[in-house]
């Protein structure tokens, strides 16, 4: 489902690159669902233009390089309520994330003129600022 949701966000469906990605995704999904719904996926495999049976199709492999993220989406909370979402480098240190978060307009509104009691940082996921 995650794979199909990502593909659904593609905007330019006319480019050759996008179409190639779509066909590869559809092939992978049909192969992965084949053990669960064999009859339907057998037909879908043929409709995707394959001459061989799906029984002889190779299971999709993982490209480890494609899984490496360059950027991370960090949720910024103030007193447990989401006030901003920031995108930072995947290798960003806690101090860098704090500085970016505290500069956000949605965060400033709730931290200006207030004492910051505690900052909880979960690398790559969350920054929670507790103010009094």
N, C-alpha and C. Protein backbone atom coordinates (compact mmCIF):
# COMPACT_ATOMS: atom_id res chain seq x y z
N UNK A 1 0.83 -1.19 0.00
CA UNK A 1 0.00 0.00 0.00
C UNK A 1 0.87 1.25 0.00
N UNK A 2 1.96 1.21 0.77
CA UNK A 2 2.84 2.39 0.79
C UNK A 2 3.41 2.66 -0.59
N UNK A 3 3.79 1.62 -1.28
CA UNK A 3 4.33 1.77 -2.63
C UNK A 3 3.28 2.38 -3.56
N UNK A 4 2.08 1.88 -3.52
CA UNK A 4 1.02 2.41 -4.38
C UNK A 4 0.65 3.84 -4.00
N UNK A 5 0.68 4.16 -2.72
CA UNK A 5 0.39 5.53 -2.29
C UNK A 5 1.44 6.51 -2.80
N UNK A 6 2.70 6.09 -2.79
CA UNK A 6 3.77 6.95 -3.33
C UNK A 6 3.58 7.17 -4.83
N UNK A 7 3.23 6.11 -5.54
CA UNK A 7 3.03 6.21 -6.99
C UNK A 7 1.83 7.09 -7.31
N UNK A 8 0.83 7.07 -6.48
CA UNK A 8 -0.37 7.88 -6.71
C UNK A 8 -0.05 9.38 -6.68
N UNK A 9 1.05 9.75 -6.04
CA UNK A 9 1.44 11.15 -5.94
C UNK A 9 2.24 11.64 -7.15
N UNK A 10 2.57 10.74 -8.08
CA UNK A 10 3.30 11.16 -9.27
C UNK A 10 2.41 12.09 -10.08
N UNK A 11 2.99 13.18 -10.56
CA UNK A 11 2.17 14.17 -11.25
C UNK A 11 2.30 14.12 -12.77
N UNK A 12 3.47 13.89 -13.31
CA UNK A 12 3.65 13.89 -14.76
C UNK A 12 3.55 12.46 -15.29
N UNK A 13 2.36 12.05 -15.68
CA UNK A 13 2.15 10.68 -16.15
C UNK A 13 2.43 10.51 -17.64
N UNK A 14 2.99 11.54 -18.27
CA UNK A 14 3.27 11.44 -19.70
C UNK A 14 4.74 11.17 -20.00
N UNK A 15 5.62 11.38 -19.03
CA UNK A 15 7.04 11.18 -19.30
C UNK A 15 7.38 9.69 -19.34
N UNK A 16 8.39 9.36 -20.12
CA UNK A 16 8.81 7.96 -20.25
C UNK A 16 9.34 7.40 -18.93
N UNK A 17 10.03 8.23 -18.18
CA UNK A 17 10.58 7.79 -16.90
C UNK A 17 9.46 7.42 -15.94
N UNK A 18 8.45 8.27 -15.85
CA UNK A 18 7.32 8.00 -14.96
C UNK A 18 6.60 6.73 -15.37
N UNK A 19 6.39 6.54 -16.65
CA UNK A 19 5.71 5.33 -17.12
C UNK A 19 6.53 4.08 -16.82
N UNK A 20 7.84 4.19 -16.94
CA UNK A 20 8.71 3.04 -16.63
C UNK A 20 8.61 2.70 -15.14
N UNK A 21 8.58 3.71 -14.32
CA UNK A 21 8.44 3.50 -12.87
C UNK A 21 7.09 2.85 -12.57
N UNK A 22 6.04 3.35 -13.20
CA UNK A 22 4.71 2.78 -12.99
C UNK A 22 4.66 1.30 -13.34
N UNK A 23 5.21 0.93 -14.50
CA UNK A 23 5.20 -0.47 -14.91
C UNK A 23 6.00 -1.35 -13.94
N UNK A 24 7.12 -0.82 -13.48
CA UNK A 24 7.92 -1.59 -12.52
C UNK A 24 7.17 -1.78 -11.20
N UNK A 25 6.49 -0.73 -10.75
CA UNK A 25 5.70 -0.82 -9.52
C UNK A 25 4.56 -1.81 -9.68
N UNK A 26 3.84 -1.72 -10.81
CA UNK A 26 2.73 -2.65 -11.04
C UNK A 26 3.21 -4.09 -11.12
N UNK A 27 4.33 -4.31 -11.79
CA UNK A 27 4.89 -5.66 -11.85
C UNK A 27 5.20 -6.18 -10.44
N UNK A 28 5.85 -5.35 -9.64
CA UNK A 28 6.22 -5.76 -8.29
C UNK A 28 4.98 -6.06 -7.44
N UNK A 29 3.97 -5.21 -7.55
CA UNK A 29 2.74 -5.42 -6.76
C UNK A 29 2.03 -6.69 -7.17
N UNK A 30 1.95 -6.95 -8.46
CA UNK A 30 1.28 -8.16 -8.94
C UNK A 30 2.02 -9.40 -8.46
N UNK A 31 3.35 -9.38 -8.52
CA UNK A 31 4.13 -10.53 -8.07
C UNK A 31 3.96 -10.73 -6.56
N UNK A 32 3.98 -9.63 -5.78
CA UNK A 32 3.86 -9.76 -4.33
C UNK A 32 2.47 -10.21 -3.89
N UNK A 33 1.46 -9.86 -4.64
CA UNK A 33 0.09 -10.27 -4.29
C UNK A 33 -0.29 -11.63 -4.87
N UNK A 34 0.54 -12.16 -5.76
CA UNK A 34 0.23 -13.43 -6.40
C UNK A 34 -0.04 -14.58 -5.42
N UNK A 35 0.75 -14.73 -4.35
CA UNK A 35 0.45 -15.84 -3.42
C UNK A 35 -0.91 -15.69 -2.72
N UNK A 36 -1.40 -14.48 -2.61
CA UNK A 36 -2.66 -14.24 -1.91
C UNK A 36 -3.86 -14.35 -2.86
N UNK A 37 -3.72 -13.77 -4.05
CA UNK A 37 -4.80 -13.75 -5.03
C UNK A 37 -4.27 -14.28 -6.36
N UNK A 38 -4.03 -15.56 -6.48
CA UNK A 38 -3.34 -16.09 -7.66
C UNK A 38 -4.10 -15.91 -8.97
N UNK A 39 -5.40 -16.16 -8.99
CA UNK A 39 -6.14 -16.11 -10.25
C UNK A 39 -6.18 -14.69 -10.84
N UNK A 40 -6.47 -13.72 -9.99
CA UNK A 40 -6.54 -12.33 -10.46
C UNK A 40 -5.16 -11.86 -10.94
N UNK A 41 -4.15 -12.15 -10.16
CA UNK A 41 -2.81 -11.68 -10.52
C UNK A 41 -2.24 -12.41 -11.72
N UNK A 42 -2.65 -13.62 -11.96
CA UNK A 42 -2.24 -14.33 -13.18
C UNK A 42 -2.74 -13.56 -14.40
N UNK A 43 -4.00 -13.12 -14.35
CA UNK A 43 -4.59 -12.33 -15.45
C UNK A 43 -3.92 -10.96 -15.58
N UNK A 44 -3.70 -10.31 -14.44
CA UNK A 44 -3.05 -8.99 -14.46
C UNK A 44 -1.65 -9.07 -15.05
N UNK A 45 -0.93 -10.14 -14.72
CA UNK A 45 0.42 -10.34 -15.24
C UNK A 45 0.41 -10.40 -16.76
N UNK A 46 -0.57 -11.11 -17.31
CA UNK A 46 -0.70 -11.20 -18.77
C UNK A 46 -1.08 -9.84 -19.36
N UNK A 47 -1.97 -9.12 -18.69
CA UNK A 47 -2.39 -7.81 -19.19
C UNK A 47 -1.26 -6.78 -19.13
N UNK A 48 -0.29 -6.98 -18.26
CA UNK A 48 0.87 -6.09 -18.22
C UNK A 48 1.84 -6.37 -19.36
N UNK A 49 1.52 -7.39 -20.16
CA UNK A 49 2.30 -7.65 -21.37
C UNK A 49 3.38 -8.69 -21.24
N UNK A 50 3.36 -9.50 -20.22
CA UNK A 50 4.39 -10.53 -20.04
C UNK A 50 4.03 -11.79 -20.81
N UNK A 51 5.03 -12.38 -21.47
CA UNK A 51 4.81 -13.61 -22.23
C UNK A 51 4.93 -14.85 -21.34
N UNK A 52 5.74 -14.75 -20.29
CA UNK A 52 5.93 -15.90 -19.40
C UNK A 52 4.85 -15.91 -18.32
N UNK A 53 4.72 -17.06 -17.67
CA UNK A 53 3.77 -17.14 -16.56
C UNK A 53 4.34 -16.44 -15.33
N UNK A 54 3.45 -15.98 -14.50
CA UNK A 54 3.87 -15.29 -13.28
C UNK A 54 4.57 -16.26 -12.32
N UNK A 55 4.34 -17.56 -12.48
CA UNK A 55 4.99 -18.55 -11.62
C UNK A 55 6.51 -18.48 -11.73
N UNK A 56 7.02 -18.09 -12.88
CA UNK A 56 8.47 -18.04 -13.08
C UNK A 56 9.05 -16.64 -12.85
N UNK A 57 8.22 -15.71 -12.42
CA UNK A 57 8.69 -14.34 -12.18
C UNK A 57 9.53 -14.29 -10.91
N UNK A 58 10.56 -13.48 -10.95
CA UNK A 58 11.44 -13.32 -9.79
C UNK A 58 10.77 -12.41 -8.76
N UNK A 59 11.01 -12.71 -7.50
CA UNK A 59 10.49 -11.88 -6.42
C UNK A 59 11.23 -10.54 -6.43
N UNK A 60 10.55 -9.43 -6.20
CA UNK A 60 11.22 -8.12 -6.22
C UNK A 60 12.35 -8.06 -5.19
N UNK A 61 13.44 -7.41 -5.56
CA UNK A 61 14.57 -7.26 -4.64
C UNK A 61 14.64 -5.82 -4.14
N UNK A 62 15.29 -5.65 -3.02
CA UNK A 62 15.40 -4.33 -2.40
C UNK A 62 16.70 -3.68 -2.84
N UNK A 63 16.62 -2.43 -3.24
CA UNK A 63 17.81 -1.64 -3.55
C UNK A 63 18.13 -0.82 -2.30
N UNK A 64 19.13 -1.24 -1.54
CA UNK A 64 19.47 -0.61 -0.28
C UNK A 64 19.81 0.87 -0.45
N UNK A 65 20.41 1.24 -1.57
CA UNK A 65 20.78 2.63 -1.81
C UNK A 65 19.56 3.52 -1.93
N UNK A 66 18.47 2.97 -2.46
CA UNK A 66 17.25 3.76 -2.62
C UNK A 66 16.55 4.02 -1.29
N UNK A 67 16.88 3.25 -0.27
CA UNK A 67 16.24 3.40 1.03
C UNK A 67 16.89 4.48 1.88
N UNK A 68 18.07 4.94 1.50
CA UNK A 68 18.78 5.94 2.27
C UNK A 68 18.12 7.30 2.03
N UNK A 69 17.73 7.95 3.11
CA UNK A 69 17.08 9.25 3.01
C UNK A 69 18.10 10.37 3.20
N UNK A 70 18.00 11.40 2.35
CA UNK A 70 18.87 12.56 2.49
C UNK A 70 18.29 13.56 3.49
N UNK A 71 16.95 13.58 3.58
CA UNK A 71 16.28 14.53 4.46
C UNK A 71 15.28 13.80 5.33
N UNK A 72 14.99 14.38 6.47
CA UNK A 72 14.02 13.83 7.41
C UNK A 72 12.98 14.90 7.73
N UNK A 73 11.75 14.46 7.91
CA UNK A 73 10.67 15.34 8.34
C UNK A 73 10.58 15.23 9.86
N UNK A 74 10.77 16.34 10.54
CA UNK A 74 10.74 16.38 11.99
C UNK A 74 9.47 17.10 12.42
N UNK A 75 8.72 16.48 13.30
CA UNK A 75 7.53 17.11 13.87
C UNK A 75 7.99 17.91 15.08
N UNK A 76 7.58 19.18 15.14
CA UNK A 76 7.95 20.04 16.25
C UNK A 76 6.70 20.30 17.09
N UNK A 77 6.80 19.94 18.36
CA UNK A 77 5.69 20.13 19.29
C UNK A 77 6.08 21.15 20.35
N UNK A 78 5.08 21.90 20.80
CA UNK A 78 5.26 22.77 21.95
C UNK A 78 4.22 22.33 22.96
N UNK A 79 4.67 21.89 24.12
CA UNK A 79 3.80 21.34 25.16
C UNK A 79 2.91 20.23 24.63
N UNK A 80 3.46 19.39 23.77
CA UNK A 80 2.74 18.21 23.28
C UNK A 80 1.82 18.44 22.11
N UNK A 81 1.72 19.67 21.63
CA UNK A 81 0.85 19.96 20.48
C UNK A 81 1.72 20.30 19.27
N UNK A 82 1.37 19.74 18.12
CA UNK A 82 2.15 19.96 16.90
C UNK A 82 2.02 21.43 16.49
N UNK A 83 3.15 22.07 16.35
CA UNK A 83 3.17 23.48 15.95
C UNK A 83 3.88 23.70 14.62
N UNK A 84 4.69 22.72 14.18
CA UNK A 84 5.39 22.87 12.91
C UNK A 84 5.92 21.52 12.47
N UNK A 85 6.22 21.46 11.19
CA UNK A 85 6.92 20.31 10.60
C UNK A 85 8.07 20.89 9.80
N UNK A 86 9.27 20.42 10.10
CA UNK A 86 10.44 20.94 9.41
C UNK A 86 11.18 19.80 8.72
N UNK A 87 11.82 20.13 7.62
CA UNK A 87 12.63 19.17 6.90
C UNK A 87 14.09 19.54 7.11
N UNK A 88 14.85 18.57 7.61
CA UNK A 88 16.27 18.80 7.89
C UNK A 88 17.09 17.69 7.25
N UNK A 89 18.37 17.91 7.18
CA UNK A 89 19.28 16.90 6.67
C UNK A 89 19.21 15.67 7.56
N UNK A 90 19.35 14.50 6.98
CA UNK A 90 19.27 13.25 7.74
C UNK A 90 20.40 13.16 8.77
N UNK A 91 21.47 13.89 8.54
CA UNK A 91 22.61 13.85 9.45
C UNK A 91 22.63 15.04 10.41
N UNK A 92 21.57 15.84 10.43
CA UNK A 92 21.51 17.04 11.27
C UNK A 92 21.62 16.66 12.75
N UNK A 93 22.39 17.44 13.46
CA UNK A 93 22.57 17.22 14.90
C UNK A 93 21.45 17.92 15.67
N UNK A 94 21.31 17.56 16.93
CA UNK A 94 20.23 18.08 17.76
C UNK A 94 20.24 19.61 17.83
N UNK A 95 21.41 20.21 17.96
CA UNK A 95 21.49 21.67 18.07
C UNK A 95 21.00 22.36 16.79
N UNK A 96 21.32 21.78 15.64
CA UNK A 96 20.86 22.35 14.37
C UNK A 96 19.34 22.27 14.26
N UNK A 97 18.78 21.14 14.65
CA UNK A 97 17.33 20.95 14.57
C UNK A 97 16.64 21.92 15.52
N UNK A 98 17.19 22.10 16.73
CA UNK A 98 16.63 23.05 17.69
C UNK A 98 16.61 24.46 17.12
N UNK A 99 17.72 24.87 16.51
CA UNK A 99 17.81 26.22 15.97
C UNK A 99 16.79 26.44 14.86
N UNK A 100 16.65 25.47 13.98
CA UNK A 100 15.68 25.59 12.88
C UNK A 100 14.27 25.62 13.43
N UNK A 101 13.98 24.76 14.40
CA UNK A 101 12.64 24.68 14.97
C UNK A 101 12.26 25.96 15.70
N UNK A 102 13.19 26.49 16.48
CA UNK A 102 12.90 27.71 17.23
C UNK A 102 12.75 28.94 16.34
N UNK A 103 13.23 28.86 15.10
CA UNK A 103 13.09 29.96 14.15
C UNK A 103 11.76 29.89 13.40
N UNK A 104 11.05 28.78 13.49
CA UNK A 104 9.76 28.62 12.80
C UNK A 104 8.72 29.55 13.42
N UNK A 105 7.93 30.17 12.57
CA UNK A 105 6.92 31.12 13.03
C UNK A 105 5.88 30.47 13.95
N UNK A 106 5.44 29.26 13.60
CA UNK A 106 4.45 28.56 14.42
C UNK A 106 4.97 28.19 15.80
N UNK A 107 6.28 28.02 15.91
CA UNK A 107 6.89 27.68 17.20
C UNK A 107 7.18 28.94 17.99
N UNK A 108 7.65 29.98 17.31
CA UNK A 108 7.97 31.25 17.98
C UNK A 108 6.77 31.80 18.74
N UNK A 109 5.61 31.68 18.13
CA UNK A 109 4.39 32.21 18.70
C UNK A 109 4.13 31.64 20.11
N UNK A 110 4.54 30.39 20.32
CA UNK A 110 4.26 29.72 21.59
C UNK A 110 5.46 29.65 22.53
N UNK A 111 6.63 30.08 22.05
CA UNK A 111 7.82 30.02 22.91
C UNK A 111 8.37 31.40 23.26
N UNK A 112 8.03 32.44 22.48
CA UNK A 112 8.53 33.79 22.77
C UNK A 112 8.02 34.23 24.14
N UNK A 113 8.91 34.87 24.88
CA UNK A 113 8.60 35.41 26.20
C UNK A 113 8.18 34.32 27.20
N UNK A 114 8.53 33.09 26.93
CA UNK A 114 8.25 31.99 27.85
C UNK A 114 9.54 31.26 28.14
N UNK A 115 9.61 30.67 29.31
CA UNK A 115 10.80 29.94 29.71
C UNK A 115 10.72 28.51 29.18
N UNK A 116 11.76 28.11 28.46
CA UNK A 116 11.82 26.74 27.96
C UNK A 116 12.36 25.86 29.08
N UNK A 117 11.51 24.97 29.56
CA UNK A 117 11.87 24.09 30.68
C UNK A 117 12.69 22.89 30.21
N UNK A 118 12.29 22.33 29.06
CA UNK A 118 12.92 21.09 28.62
C UNK A 118 12.71 20.94 27.12
N UNK A 119 13.69 20.33 26.47
CA UNK A 119 13.56 20.00 25.05
C UNK A 119 13.86 18.52 24.89
N UNK A 120 12.89 17.82 24.32
CA UNK A 120 13.03 16.38 24.10
C UNK A 120 13.22 16.17 22.61
N UNK A 121 14.31 15.51 22.25
CA UNK A 121 14.63 15.30 20.84
C UNK A 121 14.75 13.81 20.56
N UNK A 122 13.99 13.35 19.58
CA UNK A 122 14.10 11.97 19.10
C UNK A 122 14.62 12.07 17.68
N UNK A 123 15.85 11.65 17.48
CA UNK A 123 16.55 11.84 16.21
C UNK A 123 15.73 11.31 15.02
N UNK A 124 15.55 12.19 14.04
CA UNK A 124 14.88 11.82 12.81
C UNK A 124 13.37 11.80 12.90
N UNK A 125 12.80 12.17 14.06
CA UNK A 125 11.35 12.06 14.20
C UNK A 125 10.69 13.26 14.86
N UNK A 126 11.18 13.65 16.03
CA UNK A 126 10.40 14.56 16.87
C UNK A 126 11.28 15.51 17.66
N UNK A 127 10.77 16.73 17.85
CA UNK A 127 11.36 17.69 18.77
C UNK A 127 10.21 18.26 19.59
N UNK A 128 10.22 18.02 20.90
CA UNK A 128 9.15 18.50 21.77
C UNK A 128 9.74 19.53 22.71
N UNK A 129 9.15 20.71 22.70
CA UNK A 129 9.61 21.81 23.55
C UNK A 129 8.59 22.00 24.66
N UNK A 130 9.07 21.95 25.90
CA UNK A 130 8.19 22.15 27.05
C UNK A 130 8.46 23.54 27.59
N UNK A 131 7.41 24.37 27.61
CA UNK A 131 7.55 25.73 28.10
C UNK A 131 6.64 25.94 29.30
N UNK A 132 7.01 26.94 30.10
CA UNK A 132 6.21 27.27 31.29
C UNK A 132 5.40 28.52 31.04
